[in-house]
All heavy atoms as atom14 arrays in JSON, in Angstrom:
{
  "sequence": "VQSMTNTDTADIKGTIDQVAALARAGSEIVRITVDRDEAA",
  "atom14_mask": [
    [1, 1, 1, 1, 1, 1, 1, 0, 0, 0, 0, 0, 0, 0],
    [1, 1, 1, 1, 1, 1, 1, 1, 1, 0, 0, 0, 0, 0],
    [1, 1, 1, 1, 1, 1, 0, 0, 0, 0, 0, 0, 0, 0],
    [1, 1, 1, 1, 1, 1, 1, 1, 0, 0, 0, 0, 0, 0],
    [1, 1, 1, 1, 1, 1, 1, 0, 0, 0, 0, 0, 0, 0],
    [1, 1, 1, 1, 1, 1, 1, 1, 0, 0, 0, 0, 0, 0],
    [1, 1, 1, 1, 1, 1, 1, 0, 0, 0, 0, 0, 0, 0],
    [1, 1, 1, 1, 1, 1, 1, 1, 0, 0, 0, 0, 0, 0],
    [1, 1, 1, 1, 1, 1, 1, 0, 0, 0, 0, 0, 0, 0],
    [1, 1, 1, 1, 1, 0, 0, 0, 0, 0, 0, 0, 0, 0],
    [1, 1, 1, 1, 1, 1, 1, 1, 0, 0, 0, 0, 0, 0],
    [1, 1, 1, 1, 1, 1, 1, 1, 0, 0, 0, 0, 0, 0],
    [1, 1, 1, 1, 1, 1, 1, 1, 1, 0, 0, 0, 0, 0],
    [1, 1, 1, 1, 0, 0, 0, 0, 0, 0, 0, 0, 0, 0],
    [1, 1, 1, 1, 1, 1, 1, 0, 0, 0, 0, 0, 0, 0],
    [1, 1, 1, 1, 1, 1, 1, 1, 0, 0, 0, 0, 0, 0],
    [1, 1, 1, 1, 1, 1, 1, 1, 0, 0, 0, 0, 0, 0],
    [1, 1, 1, 1, 1, 1, 1, 1, 1, 0, 0, 0, 0, 0],
    [1, 1, 1, 1, 1, 1, 1, 0, 0, 0, 0, 0, 0, 0],
    [1, 1, 1, 1, 1, 0, 0, 0, 0, 0, 0, 0, 0, 0],
    [1, 1, 1, 1, 1, 0, 0, 0, 0, 0, 0, 0, 0, 0],
    [1, 1, 1, 1, 1, 1, 1, 1, 0, 0, 0, 0, 0, 0],
    [1, 1, 1, 1, 1, 0, 0, 0, 0, 0, 0, 0, 0, 0],
    [1, 1, 1, 1, 1, 1, 1, 1, 1, 1, 1, 0, 0, 0],
    [1, 1, 1, 1, 1, 0, 0, 0, 0, 0, 0, 0, 0, 0],
    [1, 1, 1, 1, 0, 0, 0, 0, 0, 0, 0, 0, 0, 0],
    [1, 1, 1, 1, 1, 1, 0, 0, 0, 0, 0, 0, 0, 0],
    [1, 1, 1, 1, 1, 1, 1, 1, 1, 0, 0, 0, 0, 0],
    [1, 1, 1, 1, 1, 1, 1, 1, 0, 0, 0, 0, 0, 0],
    [1, 1, 1, 1, 1, 1, 1, 0, 0, 0, 0, 0, 0, 0],
    [1, 1, 1, 1, 1, 1, 1, 1, 1, 1, 1, 0, 0, 0],
    [1, 1, 1, 1, 1, 1, 1, 1, 0, 0, 0, 0, 0, 0],
    [1, 1, 1, 1, 1, 1, 1, 0, 0, 0, 0, 0, 0, 0],
    [1, 1, 1, 1, 1, 1, 1, 0, 0, 0, 0, 0, 0, 0],
    [1, 1, 1, 1, 1, 1, 1, 1, 0, 0, 0, 0, 0, 0],
    [1, 1, 1, 1, 1, 1, 1, 1, 1, 1, 1, 0, 0, 0],
    [1, 1, 1, 1, 1, 1, 1, 1, 0, 0, 0, 0, 0, 0],
    [1, 1, 1, 1, 1, 1, 1, 1, 1, 0, 0, 0, 0, 0],
    [1, 1, 1, 1, 1, 0, 0, 0, 0, 0, 0, 0, 0, 0],
    [1, 1, 1, 1, 1, 0, 0, 0, 0, 0, 0, 0, 0, 0]
  ],
  "atom14_positions": [
    [[-27.69, 31.6, 14.08], [-27.89, 31.16, 15.42], [-27.87, 29.68, 15.5], [-28.62, 28.95, 14.8], [-29.22, 31.68, 16.02], [-29.54, 31.08, 17.38], [-29.19, 33.22, 16.09], [0.0, 0.0, 0.0], [0.0, 0.0, 0.0], [0.0, 0.0, 0.0], [0.0, 0.0, 0.0], [0.0, 0.0, 0.0], [0.0, 0.0, 0.0], [0.0, 0.0, 0.0]],
    [[-27.02, 29.14, 16.41], [-26.9, 27.8, 16.57], [-27.22, 27.37, 18.02], [-27.06, 28.16, 18.93], [-25.45, 27.27, 16.22], [-25.26, 25.77, 16.24], [-23.87, 25.36, 15.68], [-23.59, 25.8, 14.57], [-23.17, 24.51, 16.35], [0.0, 0.0, 0.0], [0.0, 0.0, 0.0], [0.0, 0.0, 0.0], [0.0, 0.0, 0.0], [0.0, 0.0, 0.0]],
    [[-27.56, 26.14, 18.27], [-27.86, 25.6, 19.61], [-27.43, 24.16, 19.62], [-27.0, 23.57, 18.67], [-29.33, 25.65, 19.97], [-30.14, 24.93, 19.1], [0.0, 0.0, 0.0], [0.0, 0.0, 0.0], [0.0, 0.0, 0.0], [0.0, 0.0, 0.0], [0.0, 0.0, 0.0], [0.0, 0.0, 0.0], [0.0, 0.0, 0.0], [0.0, 0.0, 0.0]],
    [[-27.52, 23.51, 20.79], [-27.19, 22.18, 21.03], [-28.17, 21.48, 21.97], [-28.57, 22.1, 23.0], [-25.74, 22.0, 21.52], [-25.34, 20.55, 21.61], [-23.56, 20.4, 22.13], [-23.4, 18.62, 21.98], [0.0, 0.0, 0.0], [0.0, 0.0, 0.0], [0.0, 0.0, 0.0], [0.0, 0.0, 0.0], [0.0, 0.0, 0.0], [0.0, 0.0, 0.0]],
    [[-28.46, 20.23, 21.65], [-29.39, 19.44, 22.56], [-28.56, 18.99, 23.74], [-27.37, 18.87, 23.74], [-30.0, 18.19, 21.89], [-28.89, 17.38, 21.47], [-30.78, 18.65, 20.61], [0.0, 0.0, 0.0], [0.0, 0.0, 0.0], [0.0, 0.0, 0.0], [0.0, 0.0, 0.0], [0.0, 0.0, 0.0], [0.0, 0.0, 0.0], [0.0, 0.0, 0.0]],
    [[-29.31, 18.64, 24.9], [-28.71, 18.0, 25.96], [-29.43, 16.67, 26.34], [-29.27, 16.17, 27.37], [-28.62, 18.91, 27.21], [-30.06, 19.27, 27.78], [-31.1, 19.06, 27.03], [-30.05, 19.96, 28.92], [0.0, 0.0, 0.0], [0.0, 0.0, 0.0], [0.0, 0.0, 0.0], [0.0, 0.0, 0.0], [0.0, 0.0, 0.0], [0.0, 0.0, 0.0]],
    [[-30.1, 16.14, 25.29], [-30.73, 14.78, 25.51], [-29.72, 13.73, 25.16], [-28.71, 13.91, 24.49], [-31.88, 14.63, 24.47], [-31.47, 14.92, 23.15], [-33.02, 15.66, 24.81], [0.0, 0.0, 0.0], [0.0, 0.0, 0.0], [0.0, 0.0, 0.0], [0.0, 0.0, 0.0], [0.0, 0.0, 0.0], [0.0, 0.0, 0.0], [0.0, 0.0, 0.0]],
    [[-30.02, 12.53, 25.56], [-29.23, 11.37, 25.07], [-29.69, 11.07, 23.72], [-30.91, 10.83, 23.42], [-29.53, 10.2, 26.0], [-28.86, 8.88, 25.56], [-28.11, 8.92, 24.5], [-29.01, 7.84, 26.22], [0.0, 0.0, 0.0], [0.0, 0.0, 0.0], [0.0, 0.0, 0.0], [0.0, 0.0, 0.0], [0.0, 0.0, 0.0], [0.0, 0.0, 0.0]],
    [[-28.77, 11.21, 22.71], [-29.18, 11.1, 21.32], [-29.76, 9.76, 21.03], [-30.69, 9.62, 20.11], [-27.96, 11.41, 20.42], [-27.44, 12.68, 20.7], [-28.36, 11.38, 18.92], [0.0, 0.0, 0.0], [0.0, 0.0, 0.0], [0.0, 0.0, 0.0], [0.0, 0.0, 0.0], [0.0, 0.0, 0.0], [0.0, 0.0, 0.0], [0.0, 0.0, 0.0]],
    [[-29.45, 8.73, 21.78], [-30.08, 7.45, 21.65], [-31.52, 7.41, 21.92], [-32.35, 6.55, 21.53], [-29.34, 6.32, 22.46], [0.0, 0.0, 0.0], [0.0, 0.0, 0.0], [0.0, 0.0, 0.0], [0.0, 0.0, 0.0], [0.0, 0.0, 0.0], [0.0, 0.0, 0.0], [0.0, 0.0, 0.0], [0.0, 0.0, 0.0], [0.0, 0.0, 0.0]],
    [[-32.0, 8.42, 22.71], [-33.46, 8.6, 22.97], [-34.03, 9.43, 21.81], [-34.06, 10.64, 21.74], [-33.57, 9.45, 24.33], [-35.04, 9.85, 24.58], [-35.92, 9.38, 23.87], [-35.25, 10.6, 25.55], [0.0, 0.0, 0.0], [0.0, 0.0, 0.0], [0.0, 0.0, 0.0], [0.0, 0.0, 0.0], [0.0, 0.0, 0.0], [0.0, 0.0, 0.0]],
    [[-34.51, 8.61, 20.87], [-34.94, 9.24, 19.65], [-36.06, 10.23, 19.78], [-35.96, 11.36, 19.33], [-35.38, 8.1, 18.61], [-34.17, 7.25, 18.23], [-35.98, 8.72, 17.32], [-34.48, 6.03, 17.46], [0.0, 0.0, 0.0], [0.0, 0.0, 0.0], [0.0, 0.0, 0.0], [0.0, 0.0, 0.0], [0.0, 0.0, 0.0], [0.0, 0.0, 0.0]],
    [[-37.14, 9.88, 20.48], [-38.24, 10.75, 20.66], [-37.86, 12.06, 21.49], [-38.24, 13.12, 21.07], [-39.37, 10.09, 21.38], [-40.65, 10.96, 21.53], [-41.8, 10.32, 22.24], [-42.99, 11.23, 22.33], [-42.7, 12.53, 22.88], [0.0, 0.0, 0.0], [0.0, 0.0, 0.0], [0.0, 0.0, 0.0], [0.0, 0.0, 0.0], [0.0, 0.0, 0.0]],
    [[-37.1, 11.84, 22.53], [-36.7, 12.99, 23.32], [-35.86, 13.91, 22.58], [-35.98, 15.18, 22.71], [0.0, 0.0, 0.0], [0.0, 0.0, 0.0], [0.0, 0.0, 0.0], [0.0, 0.0, 0.0], [0.0, 0.0, 0.0], [0.0, 0.0, 0.0], [0.0, 0.0, 0.0], [0.0, 0.0, 0.0], [0.0, 0.0, 0.0], [0.0, 0.0, 0.0]],
    [[-34.98, 13.42, 21.71], [-34.12, 14.27, 20.85], [-34.89, 14.94, 19.84], [-34.65, 16.18, 19.54], [-32.94, 13.46, 20.29], [-32.19, 12.81, 21.32], [-31.99, 14.33, 19.45], [0.0, 0.0, 0.0], [0.0, 0.0, 0.0], [0.0, 0.0, 0.0], [0.0, 0.0, 0.0], [0.0, 0.0, 0.0], [0.0, 0.0, 0.0], [0.0, 0.0, 0.0]],
    [[-35.81, 14.25, 19.23], [-36.67, 14.85, 18.16], [-37.42, 16.03, 18.79], [-37.54, 17.19, 18.26], [-37.61, 13.87, 17.55], [-36.9, 12.94, 16.65], [-38.73, 14.64, 16.75], [-37.78, 11.75, 16.11], [0.0, 0.0, 0.0], [0.0, 0.0, 0.0], [0.0, 0.0, 0.0], [0.0, 0.0, 0.0], [0.0, 0.0, 0.0], [0.0, 0.0, 0.0]],
    [[-38.01, 15.84, 20.03], [-38.8, 16.82, 20.71], [-37.98, 18.12, 20.94], [-38.41, 19.23, 20.75], [-39.4, 16.26, 21.97], [-40.52, 15.32, 21.75], [-41.07, 15.24, 20.62], [-40.89, 14.56, 22.71], [0.0, 0.0, 0.0], [0.0, 0.0, 0.0], [0.0, 0.0, 0.0], [0.0, 0.0, 0.0], [0.0, 0.0, 0.0], [0.0, 0.0, 0.0]],
    [[-36.69, 17.84, 21.49], [-35.91, 19.0, 21.77], [-35.39, 19.77, 20.56], [-35.37, 20.96, 20.54], [-34.76, 18.61, 22.69], [-34.04, 19.75, 23.31], [-32.99, 19.48, 24.34], [-31.85, 19.29, 24.08], [-33.45, 19.35, 25.6], [0.0, 0.0, 0.0], [0.0, 0.0, 0.0], [0.0, 0.0, 0.0], [0.0, 0.0, 0.0], [0.0, 0.0, 0.0]],
    [[-34.97, 19.02, 19.58], [-34.51, 19.69, 18.35], [-35.66, 20.51, 17.72], [-35.47, 21.63, 17.35], [-34.04, 18.67, 17.29], [-33.82, 19.37, 15.94], [-32.74, 17.97, 17.8], [0.0, 0.0, 0.0], [0.0, 0.0, 0.0], [0.0, 0.0, 0.0], [0.0, 0.0, 0.0], [0.0, 0.0, 0.0], [0.0, 0.0, 0.0], [0.0, 0.0, 0.0]],
    [[-36.89, 19.94, 17.74], [-38.03, 20.67, 17.19], [-38.3, 21.92, 18.01], [-38.62, 22.98, 17.45], [-39.27, 19.73, 17.19], [0.0, 0.0, 0.0], [0.0, 0.0, 0.0], [0.0, 0.0, 0.0], [0.0, 0.0, 0.0], [0.0, 0.0, 0.0], [0.0, 0.0, 0.0], [0.0, 0.0, 0.0], [0.0, 0.0, 0.0], [0.0, 0.0, 0.0]],
    [[-38.15, 21.84, 19.35], [-38.37, 22.98, 20.21], [-37.37, 24.05, 19.96], [-37.64, 25.26, 19.9], [-38.38, 22.56, 21.72], [0.0, 0.0, 0.0], [0.0, 0.0, 0.0], [0.0, 0.0, 0.0], [0.0, 0.0, 0.0], [0.0, 0.0, 0.0], [0.0, 0.0, 0.0], [0.0, 0.0, 0.0], [0.0, 0.0, 0.0], [0.0, 0.0, 0.0]],
    [[-36.08, 23.64, 19.81], [-35.0, 24.58, 19.48], [-35.2, 25.29, 18.19], [-35.03, 26.47, 18.01], [-33.7, 23.9, 19.59], [-33.16, 23.46, 20.87], [-32.01, 22.44, 20.78], [-32.81, 24.62, 21.81], [0.0, 0.0, 0.0], [0.0, 0.0, 0.0], [0.0, 0.0, 0.0], [0.0, 0.0, 0.0], [0.0, 0.0, 0.0], [0.0, 0.0, 0.0]],
    [[-35.61, 24.45, 17.17], [-35.88, 25.05, 15.83], [-37.08, 25.99, 15.86], [-37.08, 27.03, 15.27], [-36.13, 23.9, 14.82], [0.0, 0.0, 0.0], [0.0, 0.0, 0.0], [0.0, 0.0, 0.0], [0.0, 0.0, 0.0], [0.0, 0.0, 0.0], [0.0, 0.0, 0.0], [0.0, 0.0, 0.0], [0.0, 0.0, 0.0], [0.0, 0.0, 0.0]],
    [[-38.1, 25.62, 16.62], [-39.28, 26.48, 16.77], [-38.92, 27.8, 17.37], [-39.43, 28.88, 17.06], [-40.36, 25.77, 17.55], [-41.61, 26.62, 17.75], [-42.67, 25.84, 18.51], [-43.91, 26.68, 18.89], [-44.86, 26.93, 18.08], [-44.9, 26.44, 16.9], [-45.88, 27.75, 18.49], [0.0, 0.0, 0.0], [0.0, 0.0, 0.0], [0.0, 0.0, 0.0]],
    [[-38.03, 27.7, 18.3], [-37.51, 29.0, 19.04], [-36.66, 29.82, 18.13], [-36.45, 31.03, 18.42], [-36.74, 28.63, 20.32], [0.0, 0.0, 0.0], [0.0, 0.0, 0.0], [0.0, 0.0, 0.0], [0.0, 0.0, 0.0], [0.0, 0.0, 0.0], [0.0, 0.0, 0.0], [0.0, 0.0, 0.0], [0.0, 0.0, 0.0], [0.0, 0.0, 0.0]],
    [[-36.2, 29.31, 17.0], [-35.4, 30.09, 16.09], [-33.98, 29.59, 15.8], [-33.26, 30.28, 15.07], [0.0, 0.0, 0.0], [0.0, 0.0, 0.0], [0.0, 0.0, 0.0], [0.0, 0.0, 0.0], [0.0, 0.0, 0.0], [0.0, 0.0, 0.0], [0.0, 0.0, 0.0], [0.0, 0.0, 0.0], [0.0, 0.0, 0.0], [0.0, 0.0, 0.0]],
    [[-33.58, 28.47, 16.45], [-32.25, 27.92, 16.08], [-32.19, 27.54, 14.64], [-33.03, 26.71, 14.19], [-31.99, 26.73, 17.04], [-30.64, 26.29, 16.79], [0.0, 0.0, 0.0], [0.0, 0.0, 0.0], [0.0, 0.0, 0.0], [0.0, 0.0, 0.0], [0.0, 0.0, 0.0], [0.0, 0.0, 0.0], [0.0, 0.0, 0.0], [0.0, 0.0, 0.0]],
    [[-31.14, 27.98, 13.95], [-31.03, 27.73, 12.53], [-30.18, 26.49, 12.22], [-30.19, 25.97, 11.12], [-30.51, 28.97, 11.86], [-31.48, 30.12, 11.83], [-30.87, 31.51, 11.65], [-29.95, 31.91, 12.35], [-31.37, 32.22, 10.77], [0.0, 0.0, 0.0], [0.0, 0.0, 0.0], [0.0, 0.0, 0.0], [0.0, 0.0, 0.0], [0.0, 0.0, 0.0]],
    [[-29.34, 26.07, 13.19], [-28.6, 24.88, 13.17], [-28.6, 24.24, 14.51], [-28.46, 24.99, 15.54], [-27.11, 25.1, 12.67], [-27.06, 25.73, 11.29], [-26.27, 23.9, 12.83], [-25.66, 26.17, 10.9], [0.0, 0.0, 0.0], [0.0, 0.0, 0.0], [0.0, 0.0, 0.0], [0.0, 0.0, 0.0], [0.0, 0.0, 0.0], [0.0, 0.0, 0.0]],
    [[-28.73, 22.91, 14.68], [-28.79, 22.29, 15.96], [-27.72, 21.17, 15.98], [-27.66, 20.36, 15.06], [-30.22, 21.69, 16.25], [-30.09, 20.91, 17.62], [-31.21, 22.74, 16.3], [0.0, 0.0, 0.0], [0.0, 0.0, 0.0], [0.0, 0.0, 0.0], [0.0, 0.0, 0.0], [0.0, 0.0, 0.0], [0.0, 0.0, 0.0], [0.0, 0.0, 0.0]],
    [[-26.92, 21.19, 17.01], [-25.88, 20.16, 17.14], [-26.36, 19.1, 18.15], [-26.98, 19.36, 19.17], [-24.56, 20.79, 17.76], [-23.41, 19.82, 17.93], [-22.12, 20.68, 17.83], [-21.98, 21.82, 18.85], [-21.2, 21.8, 19.94], [-20.44, 20.79, 20.14], [-21.22, 22.86, 20.7], [0.0, 0.0, 0.0], [0.0, 0.0, 0.0], [0.0, 0.0, 0.0]],
    [[-26.09, 17.84, 17.81], [-26.42, 16.72, 18.66], [-25.18, 15.89, 18.99], [-24.24, 15.85, 18.22], [-27.52, 15.8, 18.08], [-27.05, 15.24, 16.76], [-28.81, 16.6, 17.87], [-28.06, 14.31, 16.12], [0.0, 0.0, 0.0], [0.0, 0.0, 0.0], [0.0, 0.0, 0.0], [0.0, 0.0, 0.0], [0.0, 0.0, 0.0], [0.0, 0.0, 0.0]],
    [[-25.13, 15.24, 20.16], [-23.98, 14.39, 20.54], [-24.05, 13.1, 19.85], [-25.08, 12.4, 19.93], [-23.98, 14.24, 22.08], [-23.87, 15.55, 22.75], [-22.81, 13.39, 22.49], [0.0, 0.0, 0.0], [0.0, 0.0, 0.0], [0.0, 0.0, 0.0], [0.0, 0.0, 0.0], [0.0, 0.0, 0.0], [0.0, 0.0, 0.0], [0.0, 0.0, 0.0]],
    [[-22.94, 12.69, 19.22], [-22.86, 11.32, 18.65], [-21.61, 10.68, 19.33], [-20.47, 10.79, 18.84], [-22.68, 11.33, 17.14], [-22.75, 9.94, 16.6], [-23.84, 12.21, 16.51], [0.0, 0.0, 0.0], [0.0, 0.0, 0.0], [0.0, 0.0, 0.0], [0.0, 0.0, 0.0], [0.0, 0.0, 0.0], [0.0, 0.0, 0.0], [0.0, 0.0, 0.0]],
    [[-21.87, 10.01, 20.47], [-20.8, 9.55, 21.35], [-20.64, 8.07, 21.37], [-19.61, 7.55, 21.9], [-20.97, 10.14, 22.73], [-22.23, 9.66, 23.32], [-23.2, 9.28, 22.63], [-22.43, 9.84, 24.6], [0.0, 0.0, 0.0], [0.0, 0.0, 0.0], [0.0, 0.0, 0.0], [0.0, 0.0, 0.0], [0.0, 0.0, 0.0], [0.0, 0.0, 0.0]],
    [[-21.58, 7.31, 20.85], [-21.48, 5.86, 20.86], [-22.36, 5.27, 19.78], [-23.12, 6.03, 19.08], [-21.92, 5.35, 22.25], [-23.39, 5.57, 22.68], [-23.57, 5.3, 24.09], [-24.99, 5.18, 24.41], [-25.83, 6.14, 24.68], [-25.34, 7.46, 24.48], [-27.09, 5.96, 25.01], [0.0, 0.0, 0.0], [0.0, 0.0, 0.0], [0.0, 0.0, 0.0]],
    [[-22.28, 3.98, 19.57], [-23.0, 3.32, 18.48], [-24.48, 3.53, 18.5], [-25.1, 3.74, 17.48], [-22.65, 1.87, 18.45], [-23.04, 1.16, 17.14], [-22.52, 1.61, 16.12], [-23.87, 0.31, 17.18], [0.0, 0.0, 0.0], [0.0, 0.0, 0.0], [0.0, 0.0, 0.0], [0.0, 0.0, 0.0], [0.0, 0.0, 0.0], [0.0, 0.0, 0.0]],
    [[-25.06, 3.51, 19.72], [-26.5, 3.63, 19.82], [-26.94, 5.01, 19.36], [-27.99, 5.13, 18.72], [-27.01, 3.42, 21.27], [-26.79, 2.01, 21.79], [-25.47, 1.73, 22.33], [-24.54, 2.51, 22.19], [-25.33, 0.62, 22.91], [0.0, 0.0, 0.0], [0.0, 0.0, 0.0], [0.0, 0.0, 0.0], [0.0, 0.0, 0.0], [0.0, 0.0, 0.0]],
    [[-26.11, 6.0, 19.69], [-26.46, 7.38, 19.23], [-26.31, 7.52, 17.73], [-27.2, 8.13, 17.11], [-25.5, 8.39, 19.97], [0.0, 0.0, 0.0], [0.0, 0.0, 0.0], [0.0, 0.0, 0.0], [0.0, 0.0, 0.0], [0.0, 0.0, 0.0], [0.0, 0.0, 0.0], [0.0, 0.0, 0.0], [0.0, 0.0, 0.0], [0.0, 0.0, 0.0]],
    [[-25.24, 6.99, 17.18], [-25.06, 7.01, 15.77], [-26.21, 6.31, 14.93], [-26.64, 6.83, 13.94], [-23.71, 6.34, 15.34], [0.0, 0.0, 0.0], [0.0, 0.0, 0.0], [0.0, 0.0, 0.0], [0.0, 0.0, 0.0], [0.0, 0.0, 0.0], [0.0, 0.0, 0.0], [0.0, 0.0, 0.0], [0.0, 0.0, 0.0], [0.0, 0.0, 0.0]]
  ]
}
C-alpha cells in the first residue's frame, strides 16, 4: 500500500506530520513532491 502527501515539501514540519499520519494509518511507502530546490 502506497500513498502520497499533499503538503508543500519545503514545509518540513507539515510534511513530517502528514507522512507520519499516513504511515500510522498503514501506508507502507509514501511519495513526496520534489519540485524545486527548497523541497529538495
